[in-house]
Amino acid sequence: GWLVFVIALPYLGVLVYLVARGKGMSERETRRARTEREAFDTYIRE
């Protein structure tokens, strides 16, 4: 649904997505970066 909305009405779709899910977007990105950093640190330690 989000993909069709963003592709069919790109400007409105992206704007609505950022308003509705923008906070979660930054949290997911932070969590992904933290996971990658921990994996990298573990690799370096080992």
All heavy atoms as atom14 arrays in JSON, in Angstrom:
{
  "sequence": "GWLVFVIALPYLGVLVYLVARGKGMSERETRRARTEREAFDTYIRE",
  "atom14_mask": [
    [1, 1, 1, 1, 0, 0, 0, 0, 0, 0, 0, 0, 0, 0],
    [1, 1, 1, 1, 1, 1, 1, 1, 1, 1, 1, 1, 1, 1],
    [1, 1, 1, 1, 1, 1, 1, 1, 0, 0, 0, 0, 0, 0],
    [1, 1, 1, 1, 1, 1, 1, 0, 0, 0, 0, 0, 0, 0],
    [1, 1, 1, 1, 1, 1, 1, 1, 1, 1, 1, 0, 0, 0],
    [1, 1, 1, 1, 1, 1, 1, 0, 0, 0, 0, 0, 0, 0],
    [1, 1, 1, 1, 1, 1, 1, 1, 0, 0, 0, 0, 0, 0],
    [1, 1, 1, 1, 1, 0, 0, 0, 0, 0, 0, 0, 0, 0],
    [1, 1, 1, 1, 1, 1, 1, 1, 0, 0, 0, 0, 0, 0],
    [1, 1, 1, 1, 1, 1, 1, 0, 0, 0, 0, 0, 0, 0],
    [1, 1, 1, 1, 1, 1, 1, 1, 1, 1, 1, 1, 0, 0],
    [1, 1, 1, 1, 1, 1, 1, 1, 0, 0, 0, 0, 0, 0],
    [1, 1, 1, 1, 0, 0, 0, 0, 0, 0, 0, 0, 0, 0],
    [1, 1, 1, 1, 1, 1, 1, 0, 0, 0, 0, 0, 0, 0],
    [1, 1, 1, 1, 1, 1, 1, 1, 0, 0, 0, 0, 0, 0],
    [1, 1, 1, 1, 1, 1, 1, 0, 0, 0, 0, 0, 0, 0],
    [1, 1, 1, 1, 1, 1, 1, 1, 1, 1, 1, 1, 0, 0],
    [1, 1, 1, 1, 1, 1, 1, 1, 0, 0, 0, 0, 0, 0],
    [1, 1, 1, 1, 1, 1, 1, 0, 0, 0, 0, 0, 0, 0],
    [1, 1, 1, 1, 1, 0, 0, 0, 0, 0, 0, 0, 0, 0],
    [1, 1, 1, 1, 1, 1, 1, 1, 1, 1, 1, 0, 0, 0],
    [1, 1, 1, 1, 0, 0, 0, 0, 0, 0, 0, 0, 0, 0],
    [1, 1, 1, 1, 1, 1, 1, 1, 1, 0, 0, 0, 0, 0],
    [1, 1, 1, 1, 0, 0, 0, 0, 0, 0, 0, 0, 0, 0],
    [1, 1, 1, 1, 1, 1, 1, 1, 0, 0, 0, 0, 0, 0],
    [1, 1, 1, 1, 1, 1, 0, 0, 0, 0, 0, 0, 0, 0],
    [1, 1, 1, 1, 1, 1, 1, 1, 1, 0, 0, 0, 0, 0],
    [1, 1, 1, 1, 1, 1, 1, 1, 1, 1, 1, 0, 0, 0],
    [1, 1, 1, 1, 1, 1, 1, 1, 1, 0, 0, 0, 0, 0],
    [1, 1, 1, 1, 1, 1, 1, 0, 0, 0, 0, 0, 0, 0],
    [1, 1, 1, 1, 1, 1, 1, 1, 1, 1, 1, 0, 0, 0],
    [1, 1, 1, 1, 1, 1, 1, 1, 1, 1, 1, 0, 0, 0],
    [1, 1, 1, 1, 1, 0, 0, 0, 0, 0, 0, 0, 0, 0],
    [1, 1, 1, 1, 1, 1, 1, 1, 1, 1, 1, 0, 0, 0],
    [1, 1, 1, 1, 1, 1, 1, 0, 0, 0, 0, 0, 0, 0],
    [1, 1, 1, 1, 1, 1, 1, 1, 1, 0, 0, 0, 0, 0],
    [1, 1, 1, 1, 1, 1, 1, 1, 1, 1, 1, 0, 0, 0],
    [1, 1, 1, 1, 1, 1, 1, 1, 1, 0, 0, 0, 0, 0],
    [1, 1, 1, 1, 1, 0, 0, 0, 0, 0, 0, 0, 0, 0],
    [1, 1, 1, 1, 1, 1, 1, 1, 1, 1, 1, 0, 0, 0],
    [1, 1, 1, 1, 1, 1, 1, 1, 0, 0, 0, 0, 0, 0],
    [1, 1, 1, 1, 1, 1, 1, 0, 0, 0, 0, 0, 0, 0],
    [1, 1, 1, 1, 1, 1, 1, 1, 1, 1, 1, 1, 0, 0],
    [1, 1, 1, 1, 1, 1, 1, 1, 0, 0, 0, 0, 0, 0],
    [1, 1, 1, 1, 1, 1, 1, 1, 1, 1, 1, 0, 0, 0],
    [1, 1, 1, 1, 1, 1, 1, 1, 1, 0, 0, 0, 0, 0]
  ],
  "atom14_positions": [
    [[0.82, -1.22, 0.0], [0.0, 0.0, 0.0], [0.84, 1.26, 0.0], [0.6, 2.19, -0.78], [0.0, 0.0, 0.0], [0.0, 0.0, 0.0], [0.0, 0.0, 0.0], [0.0, 0.0, 0.0], [0.0, 0.0, 0.0], [0.0, 0.0, 0.0], [0.0, 0.0, 0.0], [0.0, 0.0, 0.0], [0.0, 0.0, 0.0], [0.0, 0.0, 0.0]],
    [[1.84, 1.32, 0.89], [2.71, 2.49, 0.93], [3.49, 2.65, -0.37], [3.66, 3.76, -0.87], [3.68, 2.4, 2.11], [3.11, 2.88, 3.4], [2.85, 2.13, 4.49], [2.71, 4.21, 3.71], [2.31, 2.91, 5.48], [2.23, 4.2, 5.02], [2.72, 5.42, 3.03], [1.75, 5.34, 5.66], [2.25, 6.55, 3.66], [1.77, 6.51, 4.95]],
    [[3.94, 1.55, -0.93], [4.7, 1.61, -2.17], [3.85, 2.13, -3.32], [4.29, 2.98, -4.09], [5.28, 0.23, -2.49], [6.38, 0.17, -3.53], [7.56, 1.02, -3.08], [6.81, -1.25, -3.75], [0.0, 0.0, 0.0], [0.0, 0.0, 0.0], [0.0, 0.0, 0.0], [0.0, 0.0, 0.0], [0.0, 0.0, 0.0], [0.0, 0.0, 0.0]],
    [[2.62, 1.63, -3.44], [1.72, 2.11, -4.49], [1.42, 3.59, -4.27], [1.42, 4.39, -5.23], [0.42, 1.28, -4.52], [-0.65, 1.94, -5.36], [0.72, -0.12, -5.04], [0.0, 0.0, 0.0], [0.0, 0.0, 0.0], [0.0, 0.0, 0.0], [0.0, 0.0, 0.0], [0.0, 0.0, 0.0], [0.0, 0.0, 0.0], [0.0, 0.0, 0.0]],
    [[1.18, 4.0, -3.03], [0.88, 5.39, -2.72], [2.06, 6.29, -3.07], [1.89, 7.36, -3.66], [0.51, 5.51, -1.25], [-0.01, 6.86, -0.83], [-0.89, 7.56, -1.63], [0.36, 7.41, 0.38], [-1.39, 8.8, -1.24], [-0.12, 8.64, 0.77], [-1.0, 9.34, -0.05], [0.0, 0.0, 0.0], [0.0, 0.0, 0.0], [0.0, 0.0, 0.0]],
    [[3.26, 5.86, -2.74], [4.45, 6.68, -3.0], [4.76, 6.74, -4.51], [5.21, 7.78, -5.0], [5.66, 6.12, -2.2], [6.97, 6.69, -2.68], [5.49, 6.42, -0.73], [0.0, 0.0, 0.0], [0.0, 0.0, 0.0], [0.0, 0.0, 0.0], [0.0, 0.0, 0.0], [0.0, 0.0, 0.0], [0.0, 0.0, 0.0], [0.0, 0.0, 0.0]],
    [[4.49, 5.66, -5.23], [4.77, 5.67, -6.67], [3.67, 6.38, -7.45], [3.95, 7.14, -8.38], [4.98, 4.23, -7.18], [6.29, 3.69, -6.62], [4.98, 4.17, -8.7], [6.56, 2.25, -6.93], [0.0, 0.0, 0.0], [0.0, 0.0, 0.0], [0.0, 0.0, 0.0], [0.0, 0.0, 0.0], [0.0, 0.0, 0.0], [0.0, 0.0, 0.0]],
    [[2.39, 6.17, -7.06], [1.27, 6.77, -7.8], [1.18, 8.28, -7.58], [0.97, 9.05, -8.52], [-0.04, 6.1, -7.41], [0.0, 0.0, 0.0], [0.0, 0.0, 0.0], [0.0, 0.0, 0.0], [0.0, 0.0, 0.0], [0.0, 0.0, 0.0], [0.0, 0.0, 0.0], [0.0, 0.0, 0.0], [0.0, 0.0, 0.0], [0.0, 0.0, 0.0]],
    [[1.32, 8.69, -6.35], [1.28, 10.12, -6.01], [2.56, 10.46, -5.25], [2.56, 10.58, -4.02], [0.06, 10.42, -5.13], [-1.3, 10.12, -5.74], [-2.38, 10.18, -4.68], [-1.59, 11.09, -6.86], [0.0, 0.0, 0.0], [0.0, 0.0, 0.0], [0.0, 0.0, 0.0], [0.0, 0.0, 0.0], [0.0, 0.0, 0.0], [0.0, 0.0, 0.0]],
    [[3.66, 10.61, -5.96], [4.96, 10.68, -5.28], [5.09, 11.82, -4.27], [5.54, 11.58, -3.16], [5.96, 10.83, -6.42], [5.21, 10.98, -7.66], [3.78, 10.71, -7.39], [0.0, 0.0, 0.0], [0.0, 0.0, 0.0], [0.0, 0.0, 0.0], [0.0, 0.0, 0.0], [0.0, 0.0, 0.0], [0.0, 0.0, 0.0], [0.0, 0.0, 0.0]],
    [[4.74, 13.03, -4.64], [4.93, 14.14, -3.7], [4.04, 14.0, -2.49], [4.49, 14.1, -1.35], [4.68, 15.48, -4.4], [5.67, 15.76, -5.5], [5.29, 15.73, -6.83], [6.99, 16.03, -5.2], [6.2, 15.97, -7.84], [7.92, 16.26, -6.2], [7.52, 16.24, -7.52], [8.42, 16.46, -8.5], [0.0, 0.0, 0.0], [0.0, 0.0, 0.0]],
    [[2.77, 13.73, -2.71], [1.83, 13.55, -1.61], [2.16, 12.3, -0.81], [2.13, 12.31, 0.43], [0.39, 13.49, -2.14], [-0.7, 13.36, -1.09], [-0.7, 14.6, -0.2], [-2.04, 13.15, -1.75], [0.0, 0.0, 0.0], [0.0, 0.0, 0.0], [0.0, 0.0, 0.0], [0.0, 0.0, 0.0], [0.0, 0.0, 0.0], [0.0, 0.0, 0.0]],
    [[2.52, 11.21, -1.5], [2.84, 9.96, -0.83], [4.04, 10.09, 0.1], [4.0, 9.63, 1.24], [0.0, 0.0, 0.0], [0.0, 0.0, 0.0], [0.0, 0.0, 0.0], [0.0, 0.0, 0.0], [0.0, 0.0, 0.0], [0.0, 0.0, 0.0], [0.0, 0.0, 0.0], [0.0, 0.0, 0.0], [0.0, 0.0, 0.0], [0.0, 0.0, 0.0]],
    [[5.09, 10.73, -0.37], [6.29, 10.9, 0.46], [5.99, 11.83, 1.63], [6.41, 11.57, 2.76], [7.47, 11.42, -0.38], [8.61, 11.89, 0.49], [7.95, 10.33, -1.32], [0.0, 0.0, 0.0], [0.0, 0.0, 0.0], [0.0, 0.0, 0.0], [0.0, 0.0, 0.0], [0.0, 0.0, 0.0], [0.0, 0.0, 0.0], [0.0, 0.0, 0.0]],
    [[5.25, 12.9, 1.37], [4.91, 13.83, 2.45], [4.07, 13.15, 3.52], [4.35, 13.28, 4.71], [4.16, 15.04, 1.87], [3.77, 16.11, 2.88], [5.02, 16.77, 3.45], [2.88, 17.15, 2.24], [0.0, 0.0, 0.0], [0.0, 0.0, 0.0], [0.0, 0.0, 0.0], [0.0, 0.0, 0.0], [0.0, 0.0, 0.0], [0.0, 0.0, 0.0]],
    [[3.06, 12.38, 3.12], [2.22, 11.67, 4.09], [3.04, 10.62, 4.84], [2.89, 10.46, 6.06], [0.99, 11.04, 3.39], [0.25, 10.11, 4.32], [0.06, 12.13, 2.88], [0.0, 0.0, 0.0], [0.0, 0.0, 0.0], [0.0, 0.0, 0.0], [0.0, 0.0, 0.0], [0.0, 0.0, 0.0], [0.0, 0.0, 0.0], [0.0, 0.0, 0.0]],
    [[3.92, 9.91, 4.13], [4.75, 8.91, 4.78], [5.65, 9.55, 5.84], [5.79, 9.02, 6.94], [5.61, 8.16, 3.76], [6.37, 7.0, 4.34], [5.77, 5.76, 4.47], [7.67, 7.15, 4.81], [6.45, 4.69, 5.03], [8.36, 6.09, 5.35], [7.74, 4.86, 5.46], [8.42, 3.81, 6.02], [0.0, 0.0, 0.0], [0.0, 0.0, 0.0]],
    [[6.25, 10.68, 5.5], [7.14, 11.35, 6.46], [6.37, 11.85, 7.68], [6.88, 11.8, 8.8], [7.88, 12.49, 5.79], [8.95, 12.08, 4.78], [9.53, 13.31, 4.11], [10.03, 11.25, 5.43], [0.0, 0.0, 0.0], [0.0, 0.0, 0.0], [0.0, 0.0, 0.0], [0.0, 0.0, 0.0], [0.0, 0.0, 0.0], [0.0, 0.0, 0.0]],
    [[5.17, 12.32, 7.47], [4.36, 12.79, 8.61], [3.91, 11.61, 9.45], [3.99, 11.64, 10.68], [3.15, 13.62, 8.11], [2.18, 13.87, 9.23], [3.62, 14.93, 7.5], [0.0, 0.0, 0.0], [0.0, 0.0, 0.0], [0.0, 0.0, 0.0], [0.0, 0.0, 0.0], [0.0, 0.0, 0.0], [0.0, 0.0, 0.0], [0.0, 0.0, 0.0]],
    [[3.44, 10.54, 8.8], [2.87, 9.41, 9.54], [3.95, 8.52, 10.17], [3.75, 8.01, 11.27], [2.01, 8.57, 8.59], [0.0, 0.0, 0.0], [0.0, 0.0, 0.0], [0.0, 0.0, 0.0], [0.0, 0.0, 0.0], [0.0, 0.0, 0.0], [0.0, 0.0, 0.0], [0.0, 0.0, 0.0], [0.0, 0.0, 0.0], [0.0, 0.0, 0.0]],
    [[5.05, 8.32, 9.5], [6.03, 7.34, 9.97], [7.44, 7.9, 10.08], [8.4, 7.15, 10.18], [6.03, 6.14, 9.03], [4.66, 5.46, 8.95], [4.65, 4.29, 8.03], [5.71, 3.35, 8.28], [5.64, 2.33, 9.13], [4.57, 2.15, 9.84], [6.65, 1.51, 9.26], [0.0, 0.0, 0.0], [0.0, 0.0, 0.0], [0.0, 0.0, 0.0]],
    [[7.59, 9.2, 10.07], [8.91, 9.82, 10.1], [9.7, 9.52, 11.36], [10.91, 9.27, 11.3], [0.0, 0.0, 0.0], [0.0, 0.0, 0.0], [0.0, 0.0, 0.0], [0.0, 0.0, 0.0], [0.0, 0.0, 0.0], [0.0, 0.0, 0.0], [0.0, 0.0, 0.0], [0.0, 0.0, 0.0], [0.0, 0.0, 0.0], [0.0, 0.0, 0.0]],
    [[9.04, 9.54, 12.52], [9.76, 9.27, 13.77], [10.26, 7.83, 13.8], [11.41, 7.57, 14.18], [8.84, 9.53, 14.95], [9.53, 9.35, 16.29], [8.62, 9.69, 17.44], [9.34, 9.52, 18.75], [8.47, 9.72, 19.88], [0.0, 0.0, 0.0], [0.0, 0.0, 0.0], [0.0, 0.0, 0.0], [0.0, 0.0, 0.0], [0.0, 0.0, 0.0]],
    [[9.43, 6.9, 13.39], [9.84, 5.51, 13.34], [10.95, 5.28, 12.33], [11.8, 4.41, 12.51], [0.0, 0.0, 0.0], [0.0, 0.0, 0.0], [0.0, 0.0, 0.0], [0.0, 0.0, 0.0], [0.0, 0.0, 0.0], [0.0, 0.0, 0.0], [0.0, 0.0, 0.0], [0.0, 0.0, 0.0], [0.0, 0.0, 0.0], [0.0, 0.0, 0.0]],
    [[10.96, 6.1, 11.29], [11.99, 6.0, 10.26], [13.36, 6.28, 10.87], [14.32, 5.54, 10.63], [11.67, 7.0, 9.16], [12.35, 6.82, 7.88], [11.61, 8.0, 6.72], [12.77, 7.88, 5.41], [0.0, 0.0, 0.0], [0.0, 0.0, 0.0], [0.0, 0.0, 0.0], [0.0, 0.0, 0.0], [0.0, 0.0, 0.0], [0.0, 0.0, 0.0]],
    [[13.47, 7.31, 11.67], [14.75, 7.64, 12.29], [15.14, 6.59, 13.33], [16.32, 6.26, 13.47], [14.7, 9.02, 12.91], [13.78, 9.05, 13.98], [0.0, 0.0, 0.0], [0.0, 0.0, 0.0], [0.0, 0.0, 0.0], [0.0, 0.0, 0.0], [0.0, 0.0, 0.0], [0.0, 0.0, 0.0], [0.0, 0.0, 0.0], [0.0, 0.0, 0.0]],
    [[14.17, 6.06, 14.07], [14.47, 5.02, 15.06], [14.98, 3.74, 14.39], [15.92, 3.11, 14.88], [13.23, 4.72, 15.9], [12.84, 5.86, 16.82], [11.48, 5.65, 17.47], [10.8, 4.66, 17.13], [11.11, 6.48, 18.3], [0.0, 0.0, 0.0], [0.0, 0.0, 0.0], [0.0, 0.0, 0.0], [0.0, 0.0, 0.0], [0.0, 0.0, 0.0]],
    [[14.35, 3.37, 13.28], [14.81, 2.18, 12.56], [16.22, 2.37, 12.01], [17.04, 1.47, 12.05], [13.84, 1.83, 11.43], [12.57, 1.18, 11.9], [11.7, 0.75, 10.75], [11.15, 1.88, 10.01], [10.07, 2.56, 10.36], [9.43, 2.24, 11.47], [9.62, 3.55, 9.63], [0.0, 0.0, 0.0], [0.0, 0.0, 0.0], [0.0, 0.0, 0.0]],
    [[16.5, 3.56, 11.5], [17.83, 3.84, 10.97], [18.88, 3.82, 12.09], [19.98, 3.29, 11.92], [17.84, 5.2, 10.27], [19.15, 5.55, 9.63], [19.52, 4.63, 8.47], [18.62, 4.06, 7.84], [20.72, 4.47, 8.21], [0.0, 0.0, 0.0], [0.0, 0.0, 0.0], [0.0, 0.0, 0.0], [0.0, 0.0, 0.0], [0.0, 0.0, 0.0]],
    [[18.53, 4.37, 13.24], [19.45, 4.36, 14.4], [19.7, 2.95, 14.87], [20.84, 2.57, 15.15], [18.86, 5.2, 15.54], [18.61, 6.52, 15.07], [19.78, 5.25, 16.73], [0.0, 0.0, 0.0], [0.0, 0.0, 0.0], [0.0, 0.0, 0.0], [0.0, 0.0, 0.0], [0.0, 0.0, 0.0], [0.0, 0.0, 0.0], [0.0, 0.0, 0.0]],
    [[18.64, 2.14, 14.94], [18.78, 0.75, 15.38], [19.64, -0.05, 14.4], [20.5, -0.83, 14.79], [17.4, 0.11, 15.5], [17.38, -1.24, 16.14], [15.97, -1.72, 16.34], [15.08, -0.7, 15.78], [13.78, -0.81, 15.65], [13.18, -1.87, 16.02], [13.05, 0.15, 15.13], [0.0, 0.0, 0.0], [0.0, 0.0, 0.0], [0.0, 0.0, 0.0]],
    [[19.45, 0.18, 13.09], [20.25, -0.51, 12.08], [21.72, -0.11, 12.19], [22.61, -0.96, 12.14], [19.72, -0.2, 10.68], [20.43, -0.99, 9.58], [20.02, -0.53, 8.21], [20.42, 0.85, 7.94], [21.63, 1.22, 7.58], [22.59, 0.35, 7.47], [21.91, 2.49, 7.34], [0.0, 0.0, 0.0], [0.0, 0.0, 0.0], [0.0, 0.0, 0.0]],
    [[21.98, 1.18, 12.37], [23.36, 1.65, 12.5], [24.01, 1.08, 13.75], [25.19, 0.69, 13.73], [23.4, 3.17, 12.52], [0.0, 0.0, 0.0], [0.0, 0.0, 0.0], [0.0, 0.0, 0.0], [0.0, 0.0, 0.0], [0.0, 0.0, 0.0], [0.0, 0.0, 0.0], [0.0, 0.0, 0.0], [0.0, 0.0, 0.0], [0.0, 0.0, 0.0]],
    [[23.26, 1.02, 14.86], [23.8, 0.47, 16.1], [24.13, -1.01, 15.94], [25.17, -1.48, 16.39], [22.81, 0.67, 17.24], [23.37, 0.26, 18.59], [22.39, 0.47, 19.75], [21.84, 1.81, 19.76], [20.53, 2.07, 19.67], [19.66, 1.08, 19.56], [20.09, 3.31, 19.7], [0.0, 0.0, 0.0], [0.0, 0.0, 0.0], [0.0, 0.0, 0.0]],
    [[23.25, -1.76, 15.27], [23.48, -3.19, 15.05], [24.72, -3.4, 14.19], [25.55, -4.28, 14.5], [22.25, -3.83, 14.37], [21.11, -3.59, 15.18], [22.44, -5.31, 14.18], [0.0, 0.0, 0.0], [0.0, 0.0, 0.0], [0.0, 0.0, 0.0], [0.0, 0.0, 0.0], [0.0, 0.0, 0.0], [0.0, 0.0, 0.0], [0.0, 0.0, 0.0]],
    [[24.86, -2.61, 13.14], [26.05, -2.74, 12.29], [27.31, -2.37, 13.04], [28.35, -3.01, 12.87], [25.9, -1.86, 11.05], [24.94, -2.4, 10.03], [24.84, -1.53, 8.8], [25.58, -0.52, 8.7], [24.01, -1.84, 7.93], [0.0, 0.0, 0.0], [0.0, 0.0, 0.0], [0.0, 0.0, 0.0], [0.0, 0.0, 0.0], [0.0, 0.0, 0.0]],
    [[27.24, -1.35, 13.89], [28.41, -0.94, 14.67], [28.81, -2.02, 15.66], [30.01, -2.31, 15.83], [28.09, 0.38, 15.41], [29.2, 0.89, 16.27], [30.39, 1.23, 15.43], [31.5, 1.61, 16.27], [32.52, 2.3, 15.88], [32.58, 2.71, 14.63], [33.48, 2.59, 16.69], [0.0, 0.0, 0.0], [0.0, 0.0, 0.0], [0.0, 0.0, 0.0]],
    [[27.82, -2.63, 16.32], [28.12, -3.7, 17.26], [28.74, -4.9, 16.55], [29.68, -5.52, 17.06], [26.86, -4.11, 18.02], [26.4, -3.08, 19.02], [25.03, -3.38, 19.6], [24.42, -4.41, 19.2], [24.58, -2.61, 20.45], [0.0, 0.0, 0.0], [0.0, 0.0, 0.0], [0.0, 0.0, 0.0], [0.0, 0.0, 0.0], [0.0, 0.0, 0.0]],
    [[28.23, -5.23, 15.37], [28.79, -6.35, 14.61], [30.23, -6.03, 14.2], [31.11, -6.9, 14.26], [27.94, -6.63, 13.38], [0.0, 0.0, 0.0], [0.0, 0.0, 0.0], [0.0, 0.0, 0.0], [0.0, 0.0, 0.0], [0.0, 0.0, 0.0], [0.0, 0.0, 0.0], [0.0, 0.0, 0.0], [0.0, 0.0, 0.0], [0.0, 0.0, 0.0]],
    [[30.48, -4.8, 13.79], [31.84, -4.4, 13.41], [32.78, -4.45, 14.61], [33.89, -4.96, 14.51], [31.81, -2.99, 12.82], [33.16, -2.48, 12.42], [33.79, -2.96, 11.29], [33.8, -1.51, 13.18], [35.04, -2.49, 10.92], [35.04, -1.04, 12.83], [35.66, -1.53, 11.69], [0.0, 0.0, 0.0], [0.0, 0.0, 0.0], [0.0, 0.0, 0.0]],
    [[32.32, -3.92, 15.76], [33.16, -3.95, 16.96], [33.46, -5.38, 17.4], [34.58, -5.68, 17.82], [32.47, -3.18, 18.1], [32.46, -1.68, 17.86], [33.21, -1.21, 16.98], [31.68, -0.98, 18.55], [0.0, 0.0, 0.0], [0.0, 0.0, 0.0], [0.0, 0.0, 0.0], [0.0, 0.0, 0.0], [0.0, 0.0, 0.0], [0.0, 0.0, 0.0]],
    [[32.46, -6.25, 17.31], [32.67, -7.65, 17.66], [33.69, -8.29, 16.74], [34.58, -9.02, 17.19], [31.34, -8.42, 17.59], [30.41, -7.8, 18.48], [31.52, -9.87, 17.97], [0.0, 0.0, 0.0], [0.0, 0.0, 0.0], [0.0, 0.0, 0.0], [0.0, 0.0, 0.0], [0.0, 0.0, 0.0], [0.0, 0.0, 0.0], [0.0, 0.0, 0.0]],
    [[33.58, -8.0, 15.46], [34.54, -8.54, 14.49], [35.96, -8.06, 14.81], [36.91, -8.85, 14.79], [34.15, -8.12, 13.08], [35.19, -8.45, 12.05], [35.38, -9.75, 11.62], [36.01, -7.45, 11.54], [36.35, -10.05, 10.68], [36.99, -7.74, 10.6], [37.15, -9.04, 10.18], [38.12, -9.34, 9.27], [0.0, 0.0, 0.0], [0.0, 0.0, 0.0]],
    [[36.1, -6.76, 15.1], [37.42, -6.21, 15.42], [37.97, -6.85, 16.68], [39.14, -7.24, 16.74], [37.35, -4.67, 15.58], [37.03, -4.01, 14.25], [38.64, -4.12, 16.15], [38.07, -4.22, 13.18], [0.0, 0.0, 0.0], [0.0, 0.0, 0.0], [0.0, 0.0, 0.0], [0.0, 0.0, 0.0], [0.0, 0.0, 0.0], [0.0, 0.0, 0.0]],
    [[37.13, -6.99, 17.71], [37.6, -7.6, 18.96], [38.05, -9.03, 18.75], [39.07, -9.47, 19.29], [36.49, -7.57, 20.02], [36.6, -6.4, 20.95], [35.61, -6.48, 22.09], [34.63, -5.43, 21.87], [33.38, -5.61, 21.48], [32.9, -6.81, 21.29], [32.57, -4.6, 21.3], [0.0, 0.0, 0.0], [0.0, 0.0, 0.0], [0.0, 0.0, 0.0]],
    [[37.3, -9.79, 17.94], [37.66, -11.18, 17.71], [38.91, -11.31, 16.84], [39.7, -12.21, 17.02], [36.5, -11.93, 17.04], [35.32, -12.14, 17.95], [34.13, -12.74, 17.21], [34.2, -12.9, 15.98], [33.13, -13.02, 17.88], [0.0, 0.0, 0.0], [0.0, 0.0, 0.0], [0.0, 0.0, 0.0], [0.0, 0.0, 0.0], [0.0, 0.0, 0.0]]
  ]
}
